[in-house]
Amino acid sequence: HPMLEAVLNASPVRIEYYSPHTAKTTTRDILPLHLLNYMGTWHIIAHCTLKNDLRDFVLSRIKTIAPGSSEINVRVSAGQLDDYIRHTFGIFHGKKTDEVCLRFSRDISPWIAEQIWHPAQEISIEKDGSLCLTIPVADFREIKREILKYGAQVEVVSPAQLRNELKQEIEKMRWVYK
């Protein structure tokens, strides 16, 4: 893949990138620095000359890739790259966090027990075989999508605000599937 080659060779490339947020395609000259798979989606972390900063590009949104027409002379340390990734990705990042407790059914608990959701997670297996997972979360938007993915096999025990937000979402879903 040309993007993998660009990452491995630290070669600048010119891309046409579609943003669903703006519904526009822009041409960007980037220096790809890191390839990352986050929750099943491939991302390129690159220095973007248009923004003169590190940016995240979803690989599937890149419409064309061509060799870069000019050198991109920028130094990005491993520490800067790690900081960018840590602050850009993940359902658990941010200054203020809430402790979220999820109870997974006995049927799904063996798979959940194998997963690392957060380095500070706490797991306990209940007498009925269900699994309780406690993790710090800074923003409920992404964790809600993760919870909904497991359907009736997971219950939000706490906090009440997240539990209520999911109840509202399920109520909206009820109208879609009436």
N, C-alpha and C. Protein backbone atom coordinates (compact mmCIF):
# COMPACT_ATOMS: atom_id res chain seq x y z
N HIS A 1 0.86 -1.19 0.00
CA HIS A 1 0.00 0.00 0.00
C HIS A 1 0.89 1.24 0.00
N PRO A 2 0.60 2.23 -0.84
CA PRO A 2 1.45 3.42 -0.94
C PRO A 2 1.58 4.18 0.39
N MET A 3 0.53 4.18 1.24
CA MET A 3 0.62 4.90 2.50
C MET A 3 1.56 4.19 3.46
N LEU A 4 1.51 2.88 3.49
CA LEU A 4 2.42 2.12 4.35
C LEU A 4 3.87 2.36 3.92
N GLU A 5 4.09 2.38 2.60
CA GLU A 5 5.42 2.69 2.07
C GLU A 5 5.88 4.07 2.52
N ALA A 6 4.98 5.04 2.47
CA ALA A 6 5.31 6.41 2.87
C ALA A 6 5.66 6.48 4.36
N VAL A 7 4.93 5.73 5.18
CA VAL A 7 5.23 5.71 6.63
C VAL A 7 6.60 5.09 6.86
N LEU A 8 6.84 3.93 6.24
CA LEU A 8 8.10 3.22 6.45
C LEU A 8 9.31 4.01 5.94
N ASN A 9 9.13 4.75 4.85
CA ASN A 9 10.24 5.51 4.25
C ASN A 9 10.28 6.97 4.69
N ALA A 10 9.32 7.38 5.54
CA ALA A 10 9.21 8.79 5.96
C ALA A 10 9.18 9.70 4.74
N SER A 11 8.34 9.34 3.76
CA SER A 11 8.24 10.08 2.50
C SER A 11 7.00 10.96 2.50
N PRO A 12 7.13 12.23 2.11
CA PRO A 12 5.94 13.08 1.99
C PRO A 12 5.04 12.60 0.86
N VAL A 13 3.74 12.76 1.06
CA VAL A 13 2.77 12.41 0.03
C VAL A 13 1.73 13.53 -0.08
N ARG A 14 1.10 13.57 -1.24
CA ARG A 14 -0.02 14.49 -1.45
C ARG A 14 -1.28 13.63 -1.49
N ILE A 15 -2.27 14.00 -0.68
CA ILE A 15 -3.50 13.23 -0.62
C ILE A 15 -4.71 14.12 -0.90
N GLU A 16 -5.74 13.49 -1.39
CA GLU A 16 -7.06 14.13 -1.43
C GLU A 16 -7.84 13.45 -0.32
N TYR A 17 -8.32 14.27 0.63
CA TYR A 17 -8.93 13.74 1.84
C TYR A 17 -10.36 14.24 2.01
N TYR A 18 -11.27 13.29 2.17
CA TYR A 18 -12.68 13.63 2.36
C TYR A 18 -12.98 13.70 3.85
N SER A 19 -13.62 14.80 4.27
CA SER A 19 -14.04 14.96 5.66
C SER A 19 -15.56 14.89 5.73
N PRO A 20 -16.10 13.90 6.44
CA PRO A 20 -17.57 13.84 6.57
C PRO A 20 -18.11 14.98 7.44
N HIS A 21 -17.24 15.58 8.25
CA HIS A 21 -17.67 16.69 9.12
C HIS A 21 -18.00 17.93 8.32
N THR A 22 -17.20 18.17 7.25
CA THR A 22 -17.43 19.34 6.41
C THR A 22 -18.07 18.97 5.08
N ALA A 23 -18.10 17.67 4.76
CA ALA A 23 -18.59 17.15 3.47
C ALA A 23 -17.78 17.72 2.31
N LYS A 24 -16.46 17.95 2.55
CA LYS A 24 -15.58 18.49 1.52
C LYS A 24 -14.34 17.62 1.38
N THR A 25 -13.75 17.67 0.19
CA THR A 25 -12.47 17.01 -0.06
C THR A 25 -11.41 18.09 -0.21
N THR A 26 -10.30 17.92 0.50
CA THR A 26 -9.19 18.88 0.42
C THR A 26 -7.94 18.16 -0.03
N THR A 27 -7.04 18.90 -0.65
CA THR A 27 -5.73 18.38 -1.03
C THR A 27 -4.76 18.75 0.07
N ARG A 28 -4.02 17.77 0.55
CA ARG A 28 -3.09 17.97 1.66
C ARG A 28 -1.73 17.40 1.32
N ASP A 29 -0.69 18.13 1.70
CA ASP A 29 0.67 17.60 1.66
C ASP A 29 1.00 17.18 3.08
N ILE A 30 1.28 15.89 3.24
CA ILE A 30 1.51 15.37 4.59
C ILE A 30 2.78 14.55 4.65
N LEU A 31 3.32 14.45 5.86
CA LEU A 31 4.43 13.55 6.14
C LEU A 31 3.89 12.49 7.09
N PRO A 32 3.56 11.30 6.57
CA PRO A 32 3.00 10.24 7.41
C PRO A 32 4.04 9.77 8.43
N LEU A 33 3.62 9.68 9.70
CA LEU A 33 4.54 9.33 10.77
C LEU A 33 4.17 8.03 11.48
N HIS A 34 2.88 7.72 11.50
CA HIS A 34 2.47 6.55 12.30
C HIS A 34 1.16 5.99 11.76
N LEU A 35 1.09 4.68 11.68
CA LEU A 35 -0.12 3.97 11.27
C LEU A 35 -0.73 3.37 12.53
N LEU A 36 -2.02 3.59 12.73
CA LEU A 36 -2.68 3.18 13.98
C LEU A 36 -4.04 2.57 13.67
N ASN A 37 -4.31 1.44 14.28
CA ASN A 37 -5.65 0.85 14.18
C ASN A 37 -6.35 1.13 15.50
N TYR A 38 -7.42 1.91 15.42
CA TYR A 38 -8.18 2.24 16.62
C TYR A 38 -9.61 1.76 16.45
N MET A 39 -10.00 0.80 17.24
CA MET A 39 -11.35 0.24 17.25
C MET A 39 -11.80 -0.17 15.85
N GLY A 40 -10.87 -0.81 15.12
CA GLY A 40 -11.20 -1.36 13.81
C GLY A 40 -11.05 -0.41 12.64
N THR A 41 -10.62 0.82 12.88
CA THR A 41 -10.44 1.80 11.82
C THR A 41 -8.97 2.19 11.74
N TRP A 42 -8.42 2.17 10.53
CA TRP A 42 -7.01 2.54 10.35
C TRP A 42 -6.86 4.05 10.21
N HIS A 43 -5.90 4.60 10.94
CA HIS A 43 -5.60 6.03 10.95
C HIS A 43 -4.13 6.25 10.61
N ILE A 44 -3.87 7.36 9.94
CA ILE A 44 -2.51 7.82 9.69
C ILE A 44 -2.32 9.08 10.52
N ILE A 45 -1.30 9.07 11.37
CA ILE A 45 -0.93 10.28 12.10
C ILE A 45 0.19 10.91 11.27
N ALA A 46 0.00 12.17 10.90
CA ALA A 46 0.94 12.81 9.98
C ALA A 46 1.09 14.29 10.31
N HIS A 47 2.23 14.84 9.88
CA HIS A 47 2.37 16.30 9.91
C HIS A 47 1.70 16.81 8.64
N CYS A 48 0.77 17.74 8.81
CA CYS A 48 0.02 18.31 7.69
C CYS A 48 0.53 19.73 7.45
N THR A 49 0.96 20.02 6.21
CA THR A 49 1.48 21.36 5.93
C THR A 49 0.36 22.40 5.90
N LEU A 50 -0.86 22.00 5.54
CA LEU A 50 -1.99 22.94 5.52
C LEU A 50 -2.26 23.49 6.92
N LYS A 51 -2.22 22.60 7.92
CA LYS A 51 -2.48 23.01 9.31
C LYS A 51 -1.20 23.27 10.09
N ASN A 52 -0.05 22.93 9.48
CA ASN A 52 1.26 23.05 10.11
C ASN A 52 1.27 22.43 11.51
N ASP A 53 0.72 21.22 11.59
CA ASP A 53 0.61 20.53 12.87
C ASP A 53 0.34 19.05 12.63
N LEU A 54 0.39 18.27 13.71
CA LEU A 54 0.03 16.86 13.61
C LEU A 54 -1.47 16.74 13.40
N ARG A 55 -1.86 15.81 12.55
CA ARG A 55 -3.27 15.57 12.28
C ARG A 55 -3.50 14.07 12.13
N ASP A 56 -4.75 13.68 12.32
CA ASP A 56 -5.19 12.30 12.19
C ASP A 56 -6.01 12.19 10.91
N PHE A 57 -5.63 11.24 10.04
CA PHE A 57 -6.37 11.01 8.80
C PHE A 57 -6.87 9.57 8.79
N VAL A 58 -8.17 9.39 8.61
CA VAL A 58 -8.74 8.05 8.52
C VAL A 58 -8.39 7.52 7.13
N LEU A 59 -7.74 6.38 7.10
CA LEU A 59 -7.22 5.84 5.84
C LEU A 59 -8.30 5.67 4.78
N SER A 60 -9.48 5.21 5.16
CA SER A 60 -10.55 4.98 4.19
C SER A 60 -11.10 6.27 3.59
N ARG A 61 -10.79 7.43 4.18
CA ARG A 61 -11.26 8.71 3.65
C ARG A 61 -10.27 9.35 2.69
N ILE A 62 -9.10 8.73 2.53
CA ILE A 62 -8.10 9.23 1.59
C ILE A 62 -8.48 8.74 0.20
N LYS A 63 -8.80 9.69 -0.68
CA LYS A 63 -9.29 9.35 -2.02
C LYS A 63 -8.16 9.07 -2.99
N THR A 64 -7.06 9.83 -2.90
CA THR A 64 -5.90 9.59 -3.76
C THR A 64 -4.63 9.81 -2.94
N ILE A 65 -3.58 9.10 -3.35
CA ILE A 65 -2.26 9.24 -2.73
C ILE A 65 -1.25 9.35 -3.87
N ALA A 66 -0.41 10.38 -3.81
CA ALA A 66 0.64 10.55 -4.82
C ALA A 66 1.92 10.97 -4.11
N PRO A 67 3.06 10.71 -4.71
CA PRO A 67 4.31 11.18 -4.09
C PRO A 67 4.26 12.69 -3.87
N GLY A 68 4.84 13.13 -2.76
CA GLY A 68 4.86 14.56 -2.46
C GLY A 68 5.74 15.31 -3.43
N SER A 69 5.34 16.53 -3.73
CA SER A 69 6.10 17.33 -4.71
C SER A 69 7.22 18.13 -4.04
N SER A 70 7.20 18.21 -2.71
CA SER A 70 8.25 18.97 -2.02
C SER A 70 8.62 18.29 -0.71
N GLU A 71 9.78 18.63 -0.22
CA GLU A 71 10.26 18.10 1.06
C GLU A 71 9.43 18.70 2.20
N ILE A 72 9.19 17.91 3.22
CA ILE A 72 8.58 18.43 4.44
C ILE A 72 9.61 18.23 5.54
N ASN A 73 10.26 19.33 5.90
CA ASN A 73 11.30 19.26 6.91
C ASN A 73 10.72 19.64 8.26
N VAL A 74 10.35 18.63 9.00
CA VAL A 74 9.78 18.86 10.32
C VAL A 74 10.29 17.75 11.23
N ARG A 75 10.58 18.10 12.46
CA ARG A 75 11.04 17.11 13.43
C ARG A 75 9.93 16.87 14.44
N VAL A 76 9.50 15.62 14.54
CA VAL A 76 8.49 15.25 15.52
C VAL A 76 9.10 14.13 16.36
N SER A 77 9.22 14.38 17.66
CA SER A 77 9.81 13.38 18.54
C SER A 77 8.81 12.28 18.84
N ALA A 78 9.32 11.15 19.28
CA ALA A 78 8.45 10.04 19.67
C ALA A 78 7.53 10.48 20.81
N GLY A 79 8.04 11.32 21.71
CA GLY A 79 7.22 11.83 22.82
C GLY A 79 6.07 12.69 22.34
N GLN A 80 6.33 13.56 21.35
CA GLN A 80 5.27 14.40 20.79
C GLN A 80 4.19 13.54 20.13
N LEU A 81 4.63 12.52 19.40
CA LEU A 81 3.72 11.61 18.73
C LEU A 81 2.88 10.84 19.76
N ASP A 82 3.53 10.33 20.80
CA ASP A 82 2.81 9.62 21.87
C ASP A 82 1.78 10.53 22.54
N ASP A 83 2.17 11.76 22.83
CA ASP A 83 1.24 12.72 23.46
C ASP A 83 0.04 12.97 22.56
N TYR A 84 0.30 13.16 21.27
CA TYR A 84 -0.80 13.40 20.33
C TYR A 84 -1.77 12.23 20.31
N ILE A 85 -1.23 11.03 20.22
CA ILE A 85 -2.09 9.83 20.18
C ILE A 85 -2.87 9.70 21.47
N ARG A 86 -2.21 9.90 22.60
CA ARG A 86 -2.86 9.76 23.90
C ARG A 86 -4.00 10.75 24.08
N HIS A 87 -3.85 11.96 23.53
CA HIS A 87 -4.89 12.98 23.69
C HIS A 87 -5.95 12.96 22.59
N THR A 88 -5.70 12.24 21.50
CA THR A 88 -6.62 12.23 20.38
C THR A 88 -7.51 10.99 20.37
N PHE A 89 -6.98 9.87 20.84
CA PHE A 89 -7.70 8.61 20.74
C PHE A 89 -8.11 8.11 22.12
N GLY A 90 -9.27 7.48 22.15
CA GLY A 90 -9.67 6.78 23.36
C GLY A 90 -10.85 7.39 24.06
N ILE A 91 -11.66 6.51 24.61
CA ILE A 91 -12.87 6.92 25.30
C ILE A 91 -12.60 7.34 26.73
N PHE A 92 -11.35 7.25 27.14
CA PHE A 92 -11.04 7.45 28.54
C PHE A 92 -10.20 8.70 28.79
N HIS A 93 -9.98 9.53 27.79
CA HIS A 93 -9.04 10.64 27.93
C HIS A 93 -9.74 11.95 28.25
N GLY A 94 -9.06 12.76 29.03
CA GLY A 94 -9.57 14.07 29.40
C GLY A 94 -9.15 14.38 30.82
N LYS A 95 -9.32 15.63 31.19
CA LYS A 95 -8.90 16.06 32.53
C LYS A 95 -9.82 15.49 33.62
N LYS A 96 -11.13 15.62 33.41
CA LYS A 96 -12.08 15.14 34.42
C LYS A 96 -12.67 13.82 33.95
N THR A 97 -12.66 12.83 34.83
CA THR A 97 -13.23 11.54 34.46
C THR A 97 -14.30 11.13 35.46
N ASP A 98 -15.21 10.29 34.98
CA ASP A 98 -16.22 9.66 35.83
C ASP A 98 -15.89 8.18 35.86
N GLU A 99 -16.14 7.55 37.00
CA GLU A 99 -15.96 6.12 37.08
C GLU A 99 -17.21 5.45 36.53
N VAL A 100 -17.03 4.61 35.52
CA VAL A 100 -18.14 3.91 34.89
C VAL A 100 -18.06 2.45 35.28
N CYS A 101 -19.19 1.92 35.73
CA CYS A 101 -19.27 0.51 36.09
C CYS A 101 -20.27 -0.17 35.16
N LEU A 102 -19.80 -1.20 34.45
CA LEU A 102 -20.62 -1.94 33.51
C LEU A 102 -20.73 -3.39 33.96
N ARG A 103 -21.92 -3.97 33.87
CA ARG A 103 -22.11 -5.38 34.19
C ARG A 103 -22.43 -6.12 32.90
N PHE A 104 -21.56 -7.08 32.55
CA PHE A 104 -21.73 -7.88 31.35
C PHE A 104 -22.31 -9.24 31.74
N SER A 105 -23.18 -9.78 30.89
CA SER A 105 -23.83 -11.06 31.16
C SER A 105 -22.81 -12.19 31.20
N ARG A 106 -23.21 -13.29 31.80
CA ARG A 106 -22.37 -14.49 31.91
C ARG A 106 -21.93 -14.95 30.52
N ASP A 107 -22.81 -14.84 29.52
CA ASP A 107 -22.49 -15.33 28.17
C ASP A 107 -21.33 -14.57 27.53
N ILE A 108 -21.23 -13.28 27.78
CA ILE A 108 -20.21 -12.46 27.12
C ILE A 108 -18.99 -12.21 28.02
N SER A 109 -19.10 -12.48 29.30
CA SER A 109 -18.03 -12.13 30.25
C SER A 109 -16.66 -12.75 29.92
N PRO A 110 -16.57 -13.98 29.38
CA PRO A 110 -15.23 -14.49 29.05
C PRO A 110 -14.50 -13.63 28.01
N TRP A 111 -15.24 -13.09 27.04
CA TRP A 111 -14.62 -12.24 26.01
C TRP A 111 -14.24 -10.88 26.59
N ILE A 112 -15.07 -10.34 27.44
CA ILE A 112 -14.77 -9.04 28.05
C ILE A 112 -13.55 -9.17 28.96
N ALA A 113 -13.44 -10.30 29.67
CA ALA A 113 -12.31 -10.51 30.58
C ALA A 113 -10.97 -10.50 29.85
N GLU A 114 -10.97 -10.82 28.55
CA GLU A 114 -9.73 -10.83 27.76
C GLU A 114 -9.33 -9.45 27.29
N GLN A 115 -10.23 -8.47 27.37
CA GLN A 115 -9.99 -7.16 26.79
C GLN A 115 -9.39 -6.19 27.81
N ILE A 116 -8.54 -5.32 27.30
CA ILE A 116 -8.01 -4.23 28.11
C ILE A 116 -8.69 -2.96 27.62
N TRP A 117 -9.60 -2.44 28.41
CA TRP A 117 -10.29 -1.20 28.06
C TRP A 117 -9.51 0.00 28.56
N HIS A 118 -8.79 -0.18 29.66
CA HIS A 118 -8.03 0.91 30.27
C HIS A 118 -7.02 0.30 31.23
N PRO A 119 -5.81 0.90 31.33
CA PRO A 119 -4.80 0.34 32.26
C PRO A 119 -5.28 0.31 33.72
N ALA A 120 -6.18 1.22 34.09
CA ALA A 120 -6.66 1.27 35.48
C ALA A 120 -7.97 0.52 35.68
N GLN A 121 -8.36 -0.31 34.71
CA GLN A 121 -9.64 -1.01 34.83
C GLN A 121 -9.62 -1.98 36.01
N GLU A 122 -10.81 -2.20 36.55
CA GLU A 122 -10.98 -3.20 37.60
C GLU A 122 -12.07 -4.16 37.13
N ILE A 123 -11.80 -5.45 37.29
CA ILE A 123 -12.75 -6.48 36.86
C ILE A 123 -13.07 -7.37 38.04
N SER A 124 -14.35 -7.70 38.18
CA SER A 124 -14.74 -8.69 39.18
C SER A 124 -15.79 -9.61 38.56
N ILE A 125 -15.68 -10.88 38.89
CA ILE A 125 -16.66 -11.87 38.41
C ILE A 125 -17.65 -12.11 39.55
N GLU A 126 -18.92 -11.96 39.23
CA GLU A 126 -19.98 -12.13 40.23
C GLU A 126 -20.34 -13.62 40.36
N LYS A 127 -21.08 -13.96 41.40
CA LYS A 127 -21.47 -15.35 41.66
C LYS A 127 -22.27 -15.96 40.52
N ASP A 128 -23.07 -15.11 39.83
CA ASP A 128 -23.89 -15.62 38.72
C ASP A 128 -23.11 -15.73 37.41
N GLY A 129 -21.80 -15.41 37.43
CA GLY A 129 -20.96 -15.50 36.23
C GLY A 129 -20.86 -14.22 35.43
N SER A 130 -21.65 -13.20 35.82
CA SER A 130 -21.54 -11.92 35.13
C SER A 130 -20.23 -11.25 35.53
N LEU A 131 -19.83 -10.28 34.73
CA LEU A 131 -18.56 -9.59 34.96
C LEU A 131 -18.84 -8.11 35.15
N CYS A 132 -18.24 -7.52 36.19
CA CYS A 132 -18.34 -6.07 36.38
C CYS A 132 -17.01 -5.44 36.00
N LEU A 133 -17.08 -4.45 35.13
CA LEU A 133 -15.91 -3.74 34.65
C LEU A 133 -16.04 -2.29 35.09
N THR A 134 -15.02 -1.78 35.79
CA THR A 134 -15.01 -0.39 36.24
C THR A 134 -13.83 0.31 35.57
N ILE A 135 -14.13 1.44 34.90
CA ILE A 135 -13.12 2.19 34.16
C ILE A 135 -13.36 3.68 34.30
N PRO A 136 -12.29 4.50 34.21
CA PRO A 136 -12.47 5.95 34.17
C PRO A 136 -12.79 6.39 32.75
N VAL A 137 -13.79 7.27 32.60
CA VAL A 137 -14.21 7.75 31.28
C VAL A 137 -14.36 9.27 31.34
N ALA A 138 -13.81 9.96 30.35
CA ALA A 138 -13.86 11.42 30.31
C ALA A 138 -15.05 11.95 29.51
N ASP A 139 -15.51 11.17 28.54
CA ASP A 139 -16.57 11.63 27.63
C ASP A 139 -17.49 10.45 27.35
N PHE A 140 -18.78 10.62 27.53
CA PHE A 140 -19.72 9.51 27.38
C PHE A 140 -20.04 9.15 25.93
N ARG A 141 -19.75 10.02 24.96
CA ARG A 141 -20.19 9.77 23.59
C ARG A 141 -19.68 8.44 23.04
N GLU A 142 -18.38 8.20 23.16
CA GLU A 142 -17.81 7.00 22.56
C GLU A 142 -18.14 5.75 23.38
N ILE A 143 -18.15 5.87 24.71
CA ILE A 143 -18.46 4.71 25.54
C ILE A 143 -19.90 4.26 25.32
N LYS A 144 -20.80 5.21 25.01
CA LYS A 144 -22.19 4.82 24.72
C LYS A 144 -22.24 3.93 23.48
N ARG A 145 -21.47 4.26 22.46
CA ARG A 145 -21.45 3.42 21.25
C ARG A 145 -20.92 2.03 21.57
N GLU A 146 -19.89 1.98 22.41
CA GLU A 146 -19.34 0.68 22.80
C GLU A 146 -20.36 -0.14 23.58
N ILE A 147 -21.08 0.50 24.48
CA ILE A 147 -22.09 -0.19 25.30
C ILE A 147 -23.21 -0.70 24.40
N LEU A 148 -23.70 0.12 23.50
CA LEU A 148 -24.81 -0.27 22.62
C LEU A 148 -24.42 -1.45 21.73
N LYS A 149 -23.16 -1.58 21.43
CA LYS A 149 -22.65 -2.69 20.62
C LYS A 149 -22.95 -4.05 21.26
N TYR A 150 -23.02 -4.07 22.59
CA TYR A 150 -23.25 -5.31 23.31
C TYR A 150 -24.73 -5.55 23.64
N GLY A 151 -25.60 -4.64 23.24
CA GLY A 151 -27.05 -4.82 23.40
C GLY A 151 -27.45 -5.17 24.82
N ALA A 152 -28.30 -6.18 24.95
CA ALA A 152 -28.85 -6.58 26.24
C ALA A 152 -27.85 -7.37 27.09
N GLN A 153 -26.64 -7.57 26.57
CA GLN A 153 -25.64 -8.31 27.34
C GLN A 153 -24.82 -7.42 28.26
N VAL A 154 -25.14 -6.12 28.31
CA VAL A 154 -24.43 -5.20 29.20
C VAL A 154 -25.43 -4.25 29.83
N GLU A 155 -25.14 -3.87 31.07
CA GLU A 155 -25.96 -2.90 31.80
C GLU A 155 -25.04 -1.88 32.44
N VAL A 156 -25.39 -0.61 32.34
CA VAL A 156 -24.64 0.43 33.03
C VAL A 156 -25.12 0.44 34.48
N VAL A 157 -24.22 0.14 35.40
CA VAL A 157 -24.55 0.17 36.82
C VAL A 157 -24.43 1.61 37.33
N SER A 158 -23.36 2.29 36.91
CA SER A 158 -23.16 3.68 37.29
C SER A 158 -22.21 4.33 36.28
N PRO A 159 -22.24 5.65 36.17
CA PRO A 159 -23.02 6.64 36.93
C PRO A 159 -24.45 6.76 36.39
N ALA A 160 -25.30 7.36 37.19
CA ALA A 160 -26.72 7.52 36.83
C ALA A 160 -26.88 8.33 35.55
N GLN A 161 -26.05 9.34 35.34
CA GLN A 161 -26.17 10.18 34.14
C GLN A 161 -25.98 9.34 32.87
N LEU A 162 -24.97 8.47 32.86
CA LEU A 162 -24.74 7.62 31.68
C LEU A 162 -25.88 6.64 31.51
N ARG A 163 -26.34 6.07 32.59
CA ARG A 163 -27.48 5.14 32.54
C ARG A 163 -28.70 5.83 31.94
N ASN A 164 -28.96 7.06 32.36
CA ASN A 164 -30.11 7.82 31.84
C ASN A 164 -29.94 8.16 30.36
N GLU A 165 -28.73 8.53 29.96
CA GLU A 165 -28.48 8.84 28.54
C GLU A 165 -28.73 7.60 27.67
N LEU A 166 -28.36 6.43 28.16
CA LEU A 166 -28.61 5.21 27.40
C LEU A 166 -30.09 4.88 27.37
N LYS A 167 -30.79 5.10 28.46
CA LYS A 167 -32.25 4.89 28.47
C LYS A 167 -32.91 5.76 27.40
N GLN A 168 -32.47 7.02 27.30
CA GLN A 168 -33.03 7.93 26.30
C GLN A 168 -32.75 7.43 24.89
N GLU A 169 -31.53 6.95 24.67
CA GLU A 169 -31.16 6.44 23.34
C GLU A 169 -31.98 5.20 22.99
N ILE A 170 -32.17 4.32 23.96
CA ILE A 170 -32.97 3.11 23.73
C ILE A 170 -34.42 3.48 23.43
N GLU A 171 -34.91 4.50 24.10
CA GLU A 171 -36.29 4.97 23.84
C GLU A 171 -36.40 5.49 22.41
N LYS A 172 -35.40 6.22 21.94
CA LYS A 172 -35.39 6.70 20.54
C LYS A 172 -35.33 5.52 19.58
N MET A 173 -34.55 4.50 19.93
CA MET A 173 -34.44 3.31 19.09
C MET A 173 -35.78 2.57 18.99
N ARG A 174 -36.53 2.62 20.07
CA ARG A 174 -37.83 1.93 20.08
C ARG A 174 -38.73 2.48 18.97
N TRP A 175 -38.64 3.80 18.70
CA TRP A 175 -39.46 4.42 17.65
C TRP A 175 -38.95 4.02 16.26
N VAL A 176 -37.67 3.77 16.15
CA VAL A 176 -37.12 3.35 14.85
C VAL A 176 -37.59 1.94 14.51
N TYR A 177 -37.71 1.09 15.54
CA TYR A 177 -38.05 -0.32 15.33
C TYR A 177 -39.48 -0.67 15.70
N LYS A 178 -40.39 0.31 15.64
CA LYS A 178 -41.79 0.02 16.01
C LYS A 178 -42.51 -0.76 14.94
